[in-house]
Amino acid sequence: METSVPAGLRIGALSKRAGVSEHVLRAWETRYGLLSPTRSAGGYRLYSESDVRRVQRMRTFLAQGLSASEAARAVLAERATAAADPVAVRKAESGGAASLRSALDELDERAAHRVLDELFGSLTIEAVIRDVLIPYLHELGDRWGRGEVTVGQEHFASNLIRSRLAGLAPGWGGGQGPRALLACPPGELHDIALLSFGLILRRSGWRVIYLGADSPMADVEHAAGVLGPELVMLSASDSIRFDSVRTQLVRLAQNTSLALAGPGASAELATAVGAQYVEADPVTAAEEWSDR
């Protein structure tokens, strides 16, 4: 069976197209979040035409005398401004969401990646996650509960979206920013919201240590003790996941800045264990945390 992958350029091709060395491109991607590559089935980074345009704009700003960090901020600000037109945003979001739903319902991997390419090319990563992907996943869960989609369709959609988001997060732990340790408690397999939180946090300069789904609490406590992160975030979709590790949560909160998120968290639980409660969607929560 043929395995479809997101269309795109390898970094060598991007280097030739944009006239910038691979070493510099990697530095701009890691330090400034200038590029938004996806991943091929073989694990290679793939870059879009939007990435080519951002590199070209970066060169233009550098030629005008801006520093690399100033130029990168200017390029990203242009992208945010372009995506801030309410009419264009609504059109892209509504059309993209409908097309994505259709492709995923039909188990059409190639079409789904094509829709995501278009969304990430026309909107900010924050807008795609907050206004398209998270609402889609909530709707998908509701549809599954009503028996309107199969388990296979739900798994296909979730795995494709998760792999796409994971491909946007190279070099999670690099840089000099504050550290965040992210994990789901034992038994919790839904980590897309947590992955989204980490992705946006990373784009704000944080270093992310991502343990992911179904993480033993002993491992979380050990990592927190060794790394001394400024934030430990645990996310769960069901309160039973937190209730089963309440003793460990209390201990963790005594030694680090602990936050609880997801439908399984509550203000009452957070208060009881000495943690902070995160009620906002993952993108908004990450933005708010970065502004502290």
Protein backbone atom coordinates (compact mmCIF):
# COMPACT_ATOMS: atom_id res chain seq x y z
CA MET A 1 0.00 0.00 0.00
CA GLU A 2 1.29 3.47 -0.85
CA THR A 3 1.91 5.70 2.15
CA SER A 4 1.17 9.35 1.45
CA VAL A 5 3.19 12.13 3.05
CA PRO A 6 2.88 15.88 3.24
CA ALA A 7 4.19 17.57 0.12
CA GLY A 8 7.18 19.78 0.70
CA LEU A 9 10.86 20.56 0.24
CA ARG A 10 13.77 18.93 2.02
CA ILE A 11 16.11 21.42 3.67
CA GLY A 12 18.67 21.12 0.86
CA ALA A 13 16.05 22.13 -1.69
CA LEU A 14 14.90 24.97 0.53
CA SER A 15 18.51 26.14 0.84
CA LYS A 16 18.91 26.27 -2.95
CA ARG A 17 15.55 27.97 -3.50
CA ALA A 18 16.09 30.63 -0.85
CA GLY A 19 19.85 31.13 -1.21
CA VAL A 20 20.63 30.47 2.46
CA SER A 21 22.86 27.73 3.85
CA GLU A 22 21.32 24.75 5.61
CA HIS A 23 23.21 25.63 8.80
CA VAL A 24 21.69 29.12 8.89
CA LEU A 25 18.21 27.79 8.10
CA ARG A 26 18.40 25.39 11.02
CA ALA A 27 19.54 28.20 13.30
CA TRP A 28 16.66 30.44 12.21
CA GLU A 29 14.21 27.59 12.76
CA THR A 30 15.51 26.65 16.21
CA ARG A 31 16.25 30.11 17.61
CA TYR A 32 13.42 32.17 16.17
CA GLY A 33 10.69 29.73 15.07
CA LEU A 34 10.91 31.20 11.56
CA LEU A 35 10.09 27.95 9.76
CA SER A 36 7.23 25.49 10.27
CA PRO A 37 8.30 22.14 8.78
CA THR A 38 6.20 19.03 8.72
CA ARG A 39 7.57 15.49 8.84
CA SER A 40 7.65 12.87 6.12
CA ALA A 41 6.85 9.24 6.87
CA GLY A 42 10.61 8.69 7.07
CA GLY A 43 11.09 11.44 9.63
CA TYR A 44 12.56 14.07 7.30
CA ARG A 45 11.61 17.73 7.74
CA LEU A 46 9.57 19.05 4.83
CA TYR A 47 9.26 22.77 4.14
CA SER A 48 6.48 24.62 2.34
CA GLU A 49 6.30 27.52 -0.09
CA SER A 50 5.37 29.67 2.91
CA ASP A 51 8.72 28.76 4.47
CA VAL A 52 10.47 29.82 1.27
CA ARG A 53 8.71 33.18 1.35
CA ARG A 54 9.60 33.72 5.02
CA VAL A 55 13.27 33.04 4.36
CA GLN A 56 13.21 35.48 1.45
CA ARG A 57 11.59 38.14 3.62
CA MET A 58 14.18 37.42 6.32
CA ARG A 59 16.94 38.15 3.82
CA THR A 60 15.25 41.38 2.81
CA PHE A 61 15.08 42.62 6.41
CA LEU A 62 18.69 41.60 7.04
CA ALA A 63 19.78 43.58 3.98
CA GLN A 64 18.00 46.60 5.49
CA GLY A 65 20.28 46.41 8.53
CA LEU A 66 18.11 44.56 11.05
CA SER A 67 19.69 41.98 13.35
CA ALA A 68 18.68 38.35 12.86
CA SER A 69 16.33 38.40 15.87
CA GLU A 70 14.76 41.69 14.75
CA ALA A 71 14.34 40.39 11.20
CA ALA A 72 12.71 37.18 12.40
CA ARG A 73 10.25 39.10 14.59
CA ALA A 74 9.39 41.32 11.64
CA VAL A 75 8.73 38.33 9.37
CA LEU A 76 6.56 36.59 11.95
CA ALA A 77 4.70 39.83 12.64
CA GLU A 78 3.93 40.10 8.92
CA ARG A 79 2.51 36.60 8.99
CA ALA A 80 0.38 37.37 12.03
CA THR A 81 -0.88 40.57 10.41
CA ALA A 82 -1.75 38.78 7.19
CA ALA A 83 -3.70 36.21 9.19
CA ALA A 84 -5.46 38.87 11.25
CA ASP A 85 -7.93 39.91 8.53
CA PRO A 86 -11.19 38.68 10.12
CA VAL A 87 -12.85 37.88 6.79
CA ALA A 88 -9.85 35.95 5.48
CA VAL A 89 -9.42 34.12 8.76
CA ARG A 90 -13.06 33.07 8.97
CA LYS A 91 -13.06 31.94 5.36
CA ALA A 92 -9.86 29.91 5.78
CA GLU A 93 -11.00 28.41 9.08
CA SER A 94 -14.49 27.43 7.97
CA GLY A 95 -13.42 26.09 4.59
CA GLY A 96 -10.41 24.32 6.03
CA ALA A 97 -12.36 22.75 8.88
CA ALA A 98 -15.00 21.37 6.50
CA SER A 99 -12.39 20.02 4.10
CA LEU A 100 -10.38 18.50 6.93
CA ARG A 101 -13.43 16.79 8.39
CA SER A 102 -14.34 15.33 5.00
CA ALA A 103 -10.81 14.05 4.33
CA LEU A 104 -10.42 12.48 7.76
CA ASP A 105 -13.88 10.90 7.70
CA GLU A 106 -12.91 9.27 4.40
CA LEU A 107 -9.53 8.13 5.79
CA ASP A 108 -7.85 10.11 3.01
CA GLU A 109 -4.39 10.83 4.40
CA ARG A 110 -3.10 12.67 1.36
CA ALA A 111 -6.10 15.00 1.21
CA ALA A 112 -5.93 15.68 4.96
CA HIS A 113 -2.26 16.66 4.73
CA ARG A 114 -3.03 18.89 1.75
CA VAL A 115 -5.71 20.71 3.76
CA LEU A 116 -3.34 21.11 6.69
CA ASP A 117 -0.64 22.44 4.37
CA GLU A 118 -3.07 25.10 3.17
CA LEU A 119 -4.15 26.00 6.69
CA PHE A 120 -0.63 26.32 8.05
CA GLY A 121 0.32 28.32 4.97
CA SER A 122 -2.47 30.87 5.38
CA LEU A 123 -2.94 31.08 9.16
CA THR A 124 -0.66 31.20 12.17
CA ILE A 125 0.06 27.95 13.97
CA GLU A 126 -1.82 29.37 16.95
CA ALA A 127 -4.92 30.04 14.86
CA VAL A 128 -4.87 26.61 13.20
CA ILE A 129 -4.65 24.82 16.55
CA ARG A 130 -7.05 27.00 18.55
CA ASP A 131 -9.66 27.73 15.90
CA VAL A 132 -9.59 24.63 13.68
CA LEU A 133 -7.94 21.58 15.24
CA ILE A 134 -9.12 21.82 18.85
CA PRO A 135 -12.78 22.51 17.87
CA TYR A 136 -12.58 19.70 15.32
CA LEU A 137 -11.30 17.23 17.93
CA HIS A 138 -14.04 18.25 20.38
CA GLU A 139 -16.63 17.73 17.65
CA LEU A 140 -15.04 14.41 16.71
CA GLY A 141 -15.38 13.20 20.29
CA ASP A 142 -19.03 14.24 20.37
CA ARG A 143 -19.72 12.51 17.06
CA TRP A 144 -18.01 9.36 18.29
CA GLY A 145 -20.16 9.44 21.43
CA ARG A 146 -23.28 9.63 19.25
CA GLY A 147 -22.09 6.73 17.10
CA GLU A 148 -21.67 8.92 14.00
CA VAL A 149 -18.00 7.95 13.47
CA THR A 150 -16.27 4.65 14.07
CA VAL A 151 -13.43 3.95 16.45
CA GLY A 152 -11.21 3.50 13.42
CA GLN A 153 -12.11 6.93 12.04
CA GLU A 154 -11.49 8.56 15.43
CA HIS A 155 -8.11 6.85 15.80
CA PHE A 156 -7.09 7.72 12.23
CA ALA A 157 -7.95 11.40 12.67
CA SER A 158 -6.34 11.74 16.09
CA ASN A 159 -3.15 9.98 15.05
CA LEU A 160 -2.78 12.04 11.89
CA ILE A 161 -3.30 15.34 13.71
CA ARG A 162 -0.99 14.30 16.52
CA SER A 163 1.80 13.31 14.14
CA ARG A 164 1.41 16.57 12.24
CA LEU A 165 1.70 18.66 15.40
CA ALA A 166 4.66 16.63 16.63
CA GLY A 167 6.39 17.41 13.34
CA LEU A 168 6.14 21.13 14.12
CA ALA A 169 8.18 20.80 17.31
CA PRO A 170 11.86 20.20 16.47
CA GLY A 171 14.42 20.81 19.20
CA TRP A 172 11.94 20.93 22.10
CA GLY A 173 14.61 21.23 24.77
CA GLY A 174 17.03 23.61 23.06
CA GLY A 175 17.72 27.22 23.90
CA GLN A 176 18.11 29.17 27.10
CA GLY A 177 14.51 29.82 28.13
CA PRO A 178 12.64 28.50 31.17
CA ARG A 179 11.87 24.79 31.28
CA ALA A 180 8.46 23.15 31.21
CA LEU A 181 7.93 19.45 31.95
CA LEU A 182 4.76 18.14 30.29
CA ALA A 183 3.11 14.77 30.87
CA CYS A 184 -0.17 12.89 31.12
CA PRO A 185 -0.75 10.79 34.27
CA PRO A 186 -0.88 6.99 34.12
CA GLY A 187 -3.65 5.63 31.93
CA GLU A 188 -4.22 8.91 30.07
CA LEU A 189 -3.70 8.39 26.33
CA HIS A 190 -5.08 11.67 24.97
CA ASP A 191 -2.18 14.12 24.72
CA ILE A 192 -2.93 16.31 21.69
CA ALA A 193 -3.99 19.27 23.86
CA LEU A 194 -0.81 18.91 25.93
CA LEU A 195 1.26 18.64 22.76
CA SER A 196 -0.38 21.82 21.48
CA PHE A 197 0.38 23.63 24.74
CA GLY A 198 4.02 22.62 24.50
CA LEU A 199 4.28 23.64 20.87
CA ILE A 200 3.04 27.18 21.53
CA LEU A 201 5.12 27.44 24.70
CA ARG A 202 8.20 26.43 22.71
CA ARG A 203 7.46 29.11 20.12
CA SER A 204 7.60 31.63 22.96
CA GLY A 205 11.13 30.56 23.86
CA TRP A 206 10.50 27.93 26.52
CA ARG A 207 12.44 24.67 26.64
CA VAL A 208 10.02 21.75 26.67
CA ILE A 209 10.65 18.33 28.18
CA TYR A 210 7.82 16.23 26.84
CA LEU A 211 7.04 12.90 28.51
CA GLY A 212 3.67 12.59 26.81
CA ALA A 213 0.85 10.12 27.35
CA ASP A 214 0.56 7.51 30.10
CA SER A 215 3.61 8.69 32.08
CA PRO A 216 4.43 6.93 35.38
CA MET A 217 4.35 9.44 38.20
CA ALA A 218 7.69 8.16 39.47
CA ASP A 219 9.22 9.23 36.15
CA VAL A 220 7.55 12.63 36.32
CA GLU A 221 8.81 13.21 39.87
CA HIS A 222 12.31 12.06 38.95
CA ALA A 223 12.48 14.34 35.90
CA ALA A 224 11.19 17.28 37.94
CA GLY A 225 13.80 16.65 40.62
CA VAL A 226 16.67 16.38 38.16
CA LEU A 227 15.72 19.23 35.82
CA GLY A 228 14.12 21.72 38.20
CA PRO A 229 11.60 23.02 35.64
CA GLU A 230 9.78 26.32 36.16
CA LEU A 231 6.54 24.52 35.28
CA VAL A 232 5.24 20.97 35.51
CA MET A 233 2.01 20.57 33.54
CA LEU A 234 -0.13 17.44 33.79
CA SER A 235 -3.17 16.97 31.56
CA ALA A 236 -5.97 14.40 31.69
CA SER A 237 -9.33 13.97 30.00
CA ASP A 238 -10.89 12.12 32.95
CA SER A 239 -10.76 13.07 36.64
CA ILE A 240 -10.14 9.43 37.59
CA ARG A 241 -6.61 9.76 36.17
CA PHE A 242 -5.81 12.50 38.66
CA ASP A 243 -7.71 10.91 41.56
CA SER A 244 -5.63 7.76 41.27
CA VAL A 245 -2.37 9.71 41.78
CA ARG A 246 -3.54 12.35 44.24
CA THR A 247 -0.82 11.54 46.78
CA GLN A 248 1.90 11.98 44.15
CA LEU A 249 0.32 15.24 42.99
CA VAL A 250 0.49 16.65 46.52
CA ARG A 251 4.14 15.66 46.81
CA LEU A 252 4.97 17.08 43.38
CA ALA A 253 3.23 20.37 44.15
CA GLN A 254 5.31 20.75 47.31
CA ASN A 255 8.54 20.69 45.30
CA THR A 256 7.71 22.41 42.03
CA SER A 257 5.23 24.70 40.28
CA LEU A 258 2.52 22.21 39.31
CA ALA A 259 -0.41 22.94 37.00
CA LEU A 260 -3.33 20.68 36.09
CA ALA A 261 -5.19 20.91 32.80
CA GLY A 262 -7.74 19.13 30.64
CA PRO A 263 -11.36 18.07 31.27
CA GLY A 264 -10.17 15.84 34.10
CA ALA A 265 -8.84 18.81 36.07
CA SER A 266 -10.85 21.19 38.21
CA ALA A 267 -10.29 24.19 40.44
CA GLU A 268 -11.32 22.10 43.45
CA LEU A 269 -8.78 19.37 42.69
CA ALA A 270 -6.00 21.87 42.04
CA THR A 271 -6.66 23.62 45.33
CA ALA A 272 -6.78 20.33 47.22
CA VAL A 273 -3.35 19.21 45.99
CA GLY A 274 -1.69 22.63 45.98
CA ALA A 275 -1.51 23.03 42.20
CA GLN A 276 -2.66 25.67 39.73
CA TYR A 277 -5.75 25.05 37.63
CA VAL A 278 -5.55 25.76 33.89
CA GLU A 279 -9.00 26.28 32.42
CA ALA A 280 -8.17 27.96 29.09
CA ASP A 281 -7.65 26.17 25.79
CA PRO A 282 -4.04 25.02 25.26
CA VAL A 283 -3.04 27.87 22.96
CA THR A 284 -4.46 30.60 25.18
CA ALA A 285 -2.98 28.92 28.26
CA ALA A 286 0.48 28.79 26.68
CA GLU A 287 0.25 32.44 25.63
CA GLU A 288 -0.84 33.47 29.11
CA TRP A 289 1.98 31.47 30.71
CA SER A 290 4.54 33.06 28.40
CA ASP A 291 3.37 36.54 29.42
CA ARG A 292 3.97 35.93 33.13
